[in-house]
Amino acid sequence: MHRPRLLLADEPTGNIDSHQGAEIMALIRTLATVGEQTVLLVTHSDQAAQTADYTWAMQDGRLVARTERSPEPAPL
């Protein structure tokens, strides 16, 4: 599978420094936009979660919040 439609990422930035984490998240974001892949990312990192189009927050095994990121304005 060279270009799966769904990419599952469990704590992709969990054990690396913040600079490498930002690079990994940029790569994942590129795969989602340019590669037209759906990414399901599980993380405890607020920084990583901020790159997502949608976030679901869980607490004690229950869904407690859902947010949708506003699309970035198109360049002029």
PDB file of N, CA and C in Angstrom:
ATOM      1  N   MET A   1       0.847  -1.168   0.000  1.00  0.00           N
ATOM      2  CA  MET A   1       0.000   0.000   0.000  1.00  0.00           C
ATOM      3  C   MET A   1       0.893   1.231   0.000  1.00  0.00           C
ATOM      4  N   HIS A   2       1.025   1.829  -1.133  1.00  0.00           N
ATOM      5  CA  HIS A   2       1.889   2.988  -1.242  1.00  0.00           C
ATOM      6  C   HIS A   2       1.190   4.273  -0.838  1.00  0.00           C
ATOM      7  N   ARG A   3      -0.079   4.358  -1.043  1.00  0.00           N
ATOM      8  CA  ARG A   3      -0.841   5.547  -0.669  1.00  0.00           C
ATOM      9  C   ARG A   3      -2.169   5.130  -0.037  1.00  0.00           C
ATOM     10  N   PRO A   4      -2.114   4.709   1.229  1.00  0.00           N
ATOM     11  CA  PRO A   4      -3.361   4.286   1.862  1.00  0.00           C
ATOM     12  C   PRO A   4      -4.311   5.465   2.019  1.00  0.00           C
ATOM     13  N   ARG A   5      -5.595   5.207   1.949  1.00  0.00           N
ATOM     14  CA  ARG A   5      -6.599   6.265   2.110  1.00  0.00           C
ATOM     15  C   ARG A   5      -6.677   6.720   3.560  1.00  0.00           C
ATOM     16  N   LEU A   6      -6.289   5.834   4.491  1.00  0.00           N
ATOM     17  CA  LEU A   6      -6.347   6.126   5.916  1.00  0.00           C
ATOM     18  C   LEU A   6      -4.989   5.867   6.539  1.00  0.00           C
ATOM     19  N   LEU A   7      -4.479   6.867   7.248  1.00  0.00           N
ATOM     20  CA  LEU A   7      -3.218   6.752   7.963  1.00  0.00           C
ATOM     21  C   LEU A   7      -3.533   6.832   9.450  1.00  0.00           C
ATOM     22  N   LEU A   8      -3.166   5.786  10.207  1.00  0.00           N
ATOM     23  CA  LEU A   8      -3.368   5.770  11.647  1.00  0.00           C
ATOM     24  C   LEU A   8      -2.047   6.134  12.324  1.00  0.00           C
ATOM     25  N   ALA A   9      -2.083   7.139  13.207  1.00  0.00           N
ATOM     26  CA  ALA A   9      -0.869   7.596  13.878  1.00  0.00           C
ATOM     27  C   ALA A   9      -1.135   7.666  15.383  1.00  0.00           C
ATOM     28  N   ASP A  10      -0.486   6.800  16.132  1.00  0.00           N
ATOM     29  CA  ASP A  10      -0.652   6.747  17.575  1.00  0.00           C
ATOM     30  C   ASP A  10       0.554   7.405  18.234  1.00  0.00           C
ATOM     31  N   GLU A  11       0.353   8.584  18.793  1.00  0.00           N
ATOM     32  CA  GLU A  11       1.409   9.348  19.464  1.00  0.00           C
ATOM     33  C   GLU A  11       2.661   9.510  18.595  1.00  0.00           C
ATOM     34  N   PRO A  12       2.529  10.051  17.377  1.00  0.00           N
ATOM     35  CA  PRO A  12       3.694  10.162  16.492  1.00  0.00           C
ATOM     36  C   PRO A  12       4.764  11.122  17.003  1.00  0.00           C
ATOM     37  N   THR A  13       4.426  11.988  17.945  1.00  0.00           N
ATOM     38  CA  THR A  13       5.415  12.929  18.476  1.00  0.00           C
ATOM     39  C   THR A  13       5.737  12.631  19.938  1.00  0.00           C
ATOM     40  N   GLY A  14       5.360  11.457  20.415  1.00  0.00           N
ATOM     41  CA  GLY A  14       5.459  11.139  21.830  1.00  0.00           C
ATOM     42  C   GLY A  14       6.853  11.127  22.429  1.00  0.00           C
ATOM     43  N   ASN A  15       7.849  10.616  21.741  1.00  0.00           N
ATOM     44  CA  ASN A  15       9.183  10.461  22.330  1.00  0.00           C
ATOM     45  C   ASN A  15      10.259  11.200  21.550  1.00  0.00           C
ATOM     46  N   ILE A  16       9.907  12.352  20.992  1.00  0.00           N
ATOM     47  CA  ILE A  16      10.899  13.138  20.253  1.00  0.00           C
ATOM     48  C   ILE A  16      10.830  14.591  20.718  1.00  0.00           C
ATOM     49  N   ASP A  17      11.877  15.355  20.394  1.00  0.00           N
ATOM     50  CA  ASP A  17      11.884  16.756  20.832  1.00  0.00           C
ATOM     51  C   ASP A  17      10.892  17.582  20.026  1.00  0.00           C
ATOM     52  N   SER A  18      10.635  18.802  20.480  1.00  0.00           N
ATOM     53  CA  SER A  18       9.593  19.631  19.872  1.00  0.00           C
ATOM     54  C   SER A  18       9.896  20.001  18.420  1.00  0.00           C
ATOM     55  N   HIS A  19      11.177  20.186  18.083  1.00  0.00           N
ATOM     56  CA  HIS A  19      11.541  20.526  16.698  1.00  0.00           C
ATOM     57  C   HIS A  19      11.217  19.358  15.760  1.00  0.00           C
ATOM     58  N   GLN A  20      11.623  18.162  16.142  1.00  0.00           N
ATOM     59  CA  GLN A  20      11.324  16.983  15.325  1.00  0.00           C
ATOM     60  C   GLN A  20       9.820  16.722  15.292  1.00  0.00           C
ATOM     61  N   GLY A  21       9.147  16.972  16.407  1.00  0.00           N
ATOM     62  CA  GLY A  21       7.698  16.809  16.461  1.00  0.00           C
ATOM     63  C   GLY A  21       6.993  17.715  15.470  1.00  0.00           C
ATOM     64  N   ALA A  22       7.460  18.960  15.368  1.00  0.00           N
ATOM     65  CA  ALA A  22       6.880  19.906  14.412  1.00  0.00           C
ATOM     66  C   ALA A  22       7.115  19.429  12.978  1.00  0.00           C
ATOM     67  N   GLU A  23       8.300  18.859  12.709  1.00  0.00           N
ATOM     68  CA  GLU A  23       8.586  18.336  11.372  1.00  0.00           C
ATOM     69  C   GLU A  23       7.674  17.155  11.037  1.00  0.00           C
ATOM     70  N   ILE A  24       7.483  16.262  12.000  1.00  0.00           N
ATOM     71  CA  ILE A  24       6.599  15.108  11.781  1.00  0.00           C
ATOM     72  C   ILE A  24       5.174  15.579  11.511  1.00  0.00           C
ATOM     73  N   MET A  25       4.702  16.553  12.286  1.00  0.00           N
ATOM     74  CA  MET A  25       3.341  17.044  12.098  1.00  0.00           C
ATOM     75  C   MET A  25       3.192  17.757  10.752  1.00  0.00           C
ATOM     76  N   ALA A  26       4.209  18.454  10.307  1.00  0.00           N
ATOM     77  CA  ALA A  26       4.163  19.096   8.983  1.00  0.00           C
ATOM     78  C   ALA A  26       4.079  18.031   7.889  1.00  0.00           C
ATOM     79  N   LEU A  27       4.826  16.947   8.044  1.00  0.00           N
ATOM     80  CA  LEU A  27       4.771  15.849   7.075  1.00  0.00           C
ATOM     81  C   LEU A  27       3.381  15.209   7.065  1.00  0.00           C
ATOM     82  N   ILE A  28       2.833  14.961   8.238  1.00  0.00           N
ATOM     83  CA  ILE A  28       1.497  14.372   8.320  1.00  0.00           C
ATOM     84  C   ILE A  28       0.466  15.309   7.702  1.00  0.00           C
ATOM     85  N   ARG A  29       0.582  16.591   7.956  1.00  0.00           N
ATOM     86  CA  ARG A  29      -0.346  17.577   7.382  1.00  0.00           C
ATOM     87  C   ARG A  29      -0.237  17.577   5.847  1.00  0.00           C
ATOM     88  N   THR A  30       0.975  17.468   5.316  1.00  0.00           N
ATOM     89  CA  THR A  30       1.180  17.408   3.874  1.00  0.00           C
ATOM     90  C   THR A  30       0.527  16.159   3.286  1.00  0.00           C
ATOM     91  N   LEU A  31       0.691  15.026   3.957  1.00  0.00           N
ATOM     92  CA  LEU A  31       0.056  13.794   3.485  1.00  0.00           C
ATOM     93  C   LEU A  31      -1.463  13.955   3.440  1.00  0.00           C
ATOM     94  N   ALA A  32      -2.004  14.644   4.417  1.00  0.00           N
ATOM     95  CA  ALA A  32      -3.455  14.824   4.481  1.00  0.00           C
ATOM     96  C   ALA A  32      -3.958  15.754   3.383  1.00  0.00           C
ATOM     97  N   THR A  33      -3.212  16.803   3.074  1.00  0.00           N
ATOM     98  CA  THR A  33      -3.697  17.778   2.092  1.00  0.00           C
ATOM     99  C   THR A  33      -3.283  17.416   0.669  1.00  0.00           C
ATOM    100  N   VAL A  34      -2.004  17.242   0.437  1.00  0.00           N
ATOM    101  CA  VAL A  34      -1.505  16.964  -0.906  1.00  0.00           C
ATOM    102  C   VAL A  34      -1.791  15.518  -1.303  1.00  0.00           C
ATOM    103  N   GLY A  35      -1.569  14.595  -0.382  1.00  0.00           N
ATOM    104  CA  GLY A  35      -1.778  13.186  -0.668  1.00  0.00           C
ATOM    105  C   GLY A  35      -3.220  12.747  -0.549  1.00  0.00           C
ATOM    106  N   GLU A  36      -4.082  13.661  -0.128  1.00  0.00           N
ATOM    107  CA  GLU A  36      -5.515  13.386   0.031  1.00  0.00           C
ATOM    108  C   GLU A  36      -5.755  12.151   0.897  1.00  0.00           C
ATOM    109  N   GLN A  37      -5.009  12.063   1.984  1.00  0.00           N
ATOM    110  CA  GLN A  37      -5.172  10.951   2.911  1.00  0.00           C
ATOM    111  C   GLN A  37      -5.935  11.432   4.139  1.00  0.00           C
ATOM    112  N   THR A  38      -6.732  10.549   4.688  1.00  0.00           N
ATOM    113  CA  THR A  38      -7.373  10.818   5.961  1.00  0.00           C
ATOM    114  C   THR A  38      -6.416  10.346   7.041  1.00  0.00           C
ATOM    115  N   VAL A  39      -6.176  11.200   8.031  1.00  0.00           N
ATOM    116  CA  VAL A  39      -5.261  10.868   9.111  1.00  0.00           C
ATOM    117  C   VAL A  39      -6.044  10.818  10.414  1.00  0.00           C
ATOM    118  N   LEU A  40      -5.943   9.713  11.105  1.00  0.00           N
ATOM    119  CA  LEU A  40      -6.507   9.583  12.443  1.00  0.00           C
ATOM    120  C   LEU A  40      -5.325   9.574  13.394  1.00  0.00           C
ATOM    121  N   LEU A  41      -5.179  10.651  14.155  1.00  0.00           N
ATOM    122  CA  LEU A  41      -4.023  10.834  15.015  1.00  0.00           C
ATOM    123  C   LEU A  41      -4.474  10.834  16.470  1.00  0.00           C
ATOM    124  N   VAL A  42      -3.837  10.011  17.270  1.00  0.00           N
ATOM    125  CA  VAL A  42      -4.104   9.973  18.705  1.00  0.00           C
ATOM    126  C   VAL A  42      -2.911  10.617  19.389  1.00  0.00           C
ATOM    127  N   THR A  43      -3.172  11.607  20.257  1.00  0.00           N
ATOM    128  CA  THR A  43      -2.066  12.306  20.899  1.00  0.00           C
ATOM    129  C   THR A  43      -2.490  12.906  22.230  1.00  0.00           C
ATOM    130  N   HIS A  44      -1.507  13.109  23.088  1.00  0.00           N
ATOM    131  CA  HIS A  44      -1.704  13.871  24.319  1.00  0.00           C
ATOM    132  C   HIS A  44      -1.158  15.287  24.129  1.00  0.00           C
ATOM    133  N   SER A  45      -0.534  15.554  22.999  1.00  0.00           N
ATOM    134  CA  SER A  45       0.118  16.832  22.725  1.00  0.00           C
ATOM    135  C   SER A  45      -0.874  17.862  22.195  1.00  0.00           C
ATOM    136  N   ASP A  46      -1.044  18.947  22.937  1.00  0.00           N
ATOM    137  CA  ASP A  46      -1.907  20.035  22.460  1.00  0.00           C
ATOM    138  C   ASP A  46      -1.347  20.641  21.178  1.00  0.00           C
ATOM    139  N   GLN A  47      -0.021  20.713  21.099  1.00  0.00           N
ATOM    140  CA  GLN A  47       0.629  21.276  19.910  1.00  0.00           C
ATOM    141  C   GLN A  47       0.317  20.438  18.669  1.00  0.00           C
ATOM    142  N   ALA A  48       0.397  19.141  18.785  1.00  0.00           N
ATOM    143  CA  ALA A  48       0.091  18.258  17.657  1.00  0.00           C
ATOM    144  C   ALA A  48      -1.390  18.355  17.300  1.00  0.00           C
ATOM    145  N   ALA A  49      -2.247  18.404  18.295  1.00  0.00           N
ATOM    146  CA  ALA A  49      -3.693  18.472  18.059  1.00  0.00           C
ATOM    147  C   ALA A  49      -4.091  19.755  17.333  1.00  0.00           C
ATOM    148  N   GLN A  50      -3.348  20.824  17.529  1.00  0.00           N
ATOM    149  CA  GLN A  50      -3.674  22.100  16.891  1.00  0.00           C
ATOM    150  C   GLN A  50      -3.511  22.060  15.379  1.00  0.00           C
ATOM    151  N   THR A  51      -2.838  21.060  14.852  1.00  0.00           N
ATOM    152  CA  THR A  51      -2.656  20.963  13.404  1.00  0.00           C
ATOM    153  C   THR A  51      -3.830  20.265  12.724  1.00  0.00           C
ATOM    154  N   ALA A  52      -4.743  19.718  13.510  1.00  0.00           N
ATOM    155  CA  ALA A  52      -5.849  18.920  12.970  1.00  0.00           C
ATOM    156  C   ALA A  52      -7.015  19.784  12.504  1.00  0.00           C
ATOM    157  N   ASP A  53      -7.743  19.274  11.516  1.00  0.00           N
ATOM    158  CA  ASP A  53      -8.966  19.937  11.065  1.00  0.00           C
ATOM    159  C   ASP A  53     -10.082  19.763  12.091  1.00  0.00           C
ATOM    160  N   TYR A  54     -10.117  18.602  12.717  1.00  0.00           N
ATOM    161  CA  TYR A  54     -11.119  18.288  13.734  1.00  0.00           C
ATOM    162  C   TYR A  54     -10.412  17.667  14.927  1.00  0.00           C
ATOM    163  N   THR A  55     -10.885  17.964  16.116  1.00  0.00           N
ATOM    164  CA  THR A  55     -10.364  17.296  17.295  1.00  0.00           C
ATOM    165  C   THR A  55     -11.524  16.797  18.150  1.00  0.00           C
ATOM    166  N   TRP A  56     -11.302  15.665  18.763  1.00  0.00           N
ATOM    167  CA  TRP A  56     -12.237  15.100  19.724  1.00  0.00           C
ATOM    168  C   TRP A  56     -11.450  14.907  21.007  1.00  0.00           C
ATOM    169  N   ALA A  57     -11.936  15.445  22.085  1.00  0.00           N
ATOM    170  CA  ALA A  57     -11.265  15.306  23.377  1.00  0.00           C
ATOM    171  C   ALA A  57     -12.003  14.276  24.217  1.00  0.00           C
ATOM    172  N   MET A  58     -11.218  13.427  24.847  1.00  0.00           N
ATOM    173  CA  MET A  58     -11.802  12.394  25.699  1.00  0.00           C
ATOM    174  C   MET A  58     -11.266  12.547  27.113  1.00  0.00           C
ATOM    175  N   GLN A  59     -12.108  12.194  28.055  1.00  0.00           N
ATOM    176  CA  GLN A  59     -11.708  12.189  29.454  1.00  0.00           C
ATOM    177  C   GLN A  59     -12.397  11.007  30.127  1.00  0.00           C
ATOM    178  N   ASP A  60     -11.627  10.198  30.818  1.00  0.00           N
ATOM    179  CA  ASP A  60     -12.159   9.016  31.495  1.00  0.00           C
ATOM    180  C   ASP A  60     -12.967   8.130  30.554  1.00  0.00           C
ATOM    181  N   GLY A  61     -12.478   7.992  29.306  1.00  0.00           N
ATOM    182  CA  GLY A  61     -13.125   7.115  28.341  1.00  0.00           C
ATOM    183  C   GLY A  61     -14.381   7.675  27.696  1.00  0.00           C
ATOM    184  N   ARG A  62     -14.668   8.952  27.933  1.00  0.00           N
ATOM    185  CA  ARG A  62     -15.871   9.568  27.360  1.00  0.00           C
ATOM    186  C   ARG A  62     -15.500  10.783  26.508  1.00  0.00           C
ATOM    187  N   LEU A  63     -16.248  10.950  25.435  1.00  0.00           N
ATOM    188  CA  LEU A  63     -16.069  12.120  24.580  1.00  0.00           C
ATOM    189  C   LEU A  63     -16.581  13.345  25.320  1.00  0.00           C
ATOM    190  N   VAL A  64     -15.720  14.358  25.494  1.00  0.00           N
ATOM    191  CA  VAL A  64     -16.124  15.554  26.237  1.00  0.00           C
ATOM    192  C   VAL A  64     -16.170  16.808  25.379  1.00  0.00           C
ATOM    193  N   ALA A  65     -15.535  16.789  24.211  1.00  0.00           N
ATOM    194  CA  ALA A  65     -15.543  17.983  23.354  1.00  0.00           C
ATOM    195  C   ALA A  65     -15.184  17.602  21.935  1.00  0.00           C
ATOM    196  N   ARG A  66     -15.716  18.390  20.993  1.00  0.00           N
ATOM    197  CA  ARG A  66     -15.378  18.246  19.579  1.00  0.00           C
ATOM    198  C   ARG A  66     -15.208  19.640  19.025  1.00  0.00           C
ATOM    199  N   THR A  67     -14.133  19.873  18.305  1.00  0.00           N
ATOM    200  CA  THR A  67     -13.912  21.183  17.696  1.00  0.00           C
ATOM    201  C   THR A  67     -13.551  21.013  16.232  1.00  0.00           C
ATOM    202  N   GLU A  68     -13.822  22.043  15.463  1.00  0.00           N
ATOM    203  CA  GLU A  68     -13.476  22.073  14.048  1.00  0.00           C
ATOM    204  C   GLU A  68     -12.641  23.321  13.807  1.00  0.00           C
ATOM    205  N   ARG A  69     -11.502  23.130  13.154  1.00  0.00           N
ATOM    206  CA  ARG A  69     -10.628  24.243  12.866  1.00  0.00           C
ATOM    207  C   ARG A  69     -11.153  24.997  11.653  1.00  0.00           C
ATOM    208  N   SER A  70     -11.137  26.309  11.740  1.00  0.00           N
ATOM    209  CA  SER A  70     -11.573  27.127  10.600  1.00  0.00           C
ATOM    210  C   SER A  70     -10.584  26.966   9.470  1.00  0.00           C
ATOM    211  N   PRO A  71     -11.094  26.846   8.238  1.00  0.00           N
ATOM    212  CA  PRO A  71     -10.167  26.719   7.110  1.00  0.00           C
ATOM    213  C   PRO A  71      -9.340  27.982   6.948  1.00  0.00           C
ATOM    214  N   GLU A  72      -8.110  27.776   6.488  1.00  0.00           N
ATOM    215  CA  GLU A  72      -7.226  28.915   6.258  1.00  0.00           C
ATOM    216  C   GLU A  72      -7.732  29.675   5.034  1.00  0.00           C
ATOM    217  N   PRO A  73      -7.661  31.018   5.086  1.00  0.00           N
ATOM    218  CA  PRO A  73      -8.127  31.780   3.932  1.00  0.00           C
ATOM    219  C   PRO A  73      -7.276  31.500   2.692  1.00  0.00           C
ATOM    220  N   ALA A  74      -7.912  31.508   1.564  1.00  0.00           N
ATOM    221  CA  ALA A  74      -7.206  31.280   0.298  1.00  0.00           C
ATOM    222  C   ALA A  74      -6.286  32.464   0.007  1.00  0.00           C
ATOM    223  N   PRO A  75      -5.111  32.199  -0.558  1.00  0.00           N
ATOM    224  CA  PRO A  75      -4.202  33.300  -0.894  1.00  0.00           C
ATOM    225  C   PRO A  75      -4.813  34.188  -1.967  1.00  0.00           C
ATOM    226  N   LEU A  76      -4.483  35.444  -1.878  1.00  0.00           N
ATOM    227  CA  LEU A  76      -4.999  36.408  -2.871  1.00  0.00           C
ATOM    228  C   LEU A  76      -4.219  36.345  -4.153  1.00  0.00           C
TER     229      LEU A  76
END
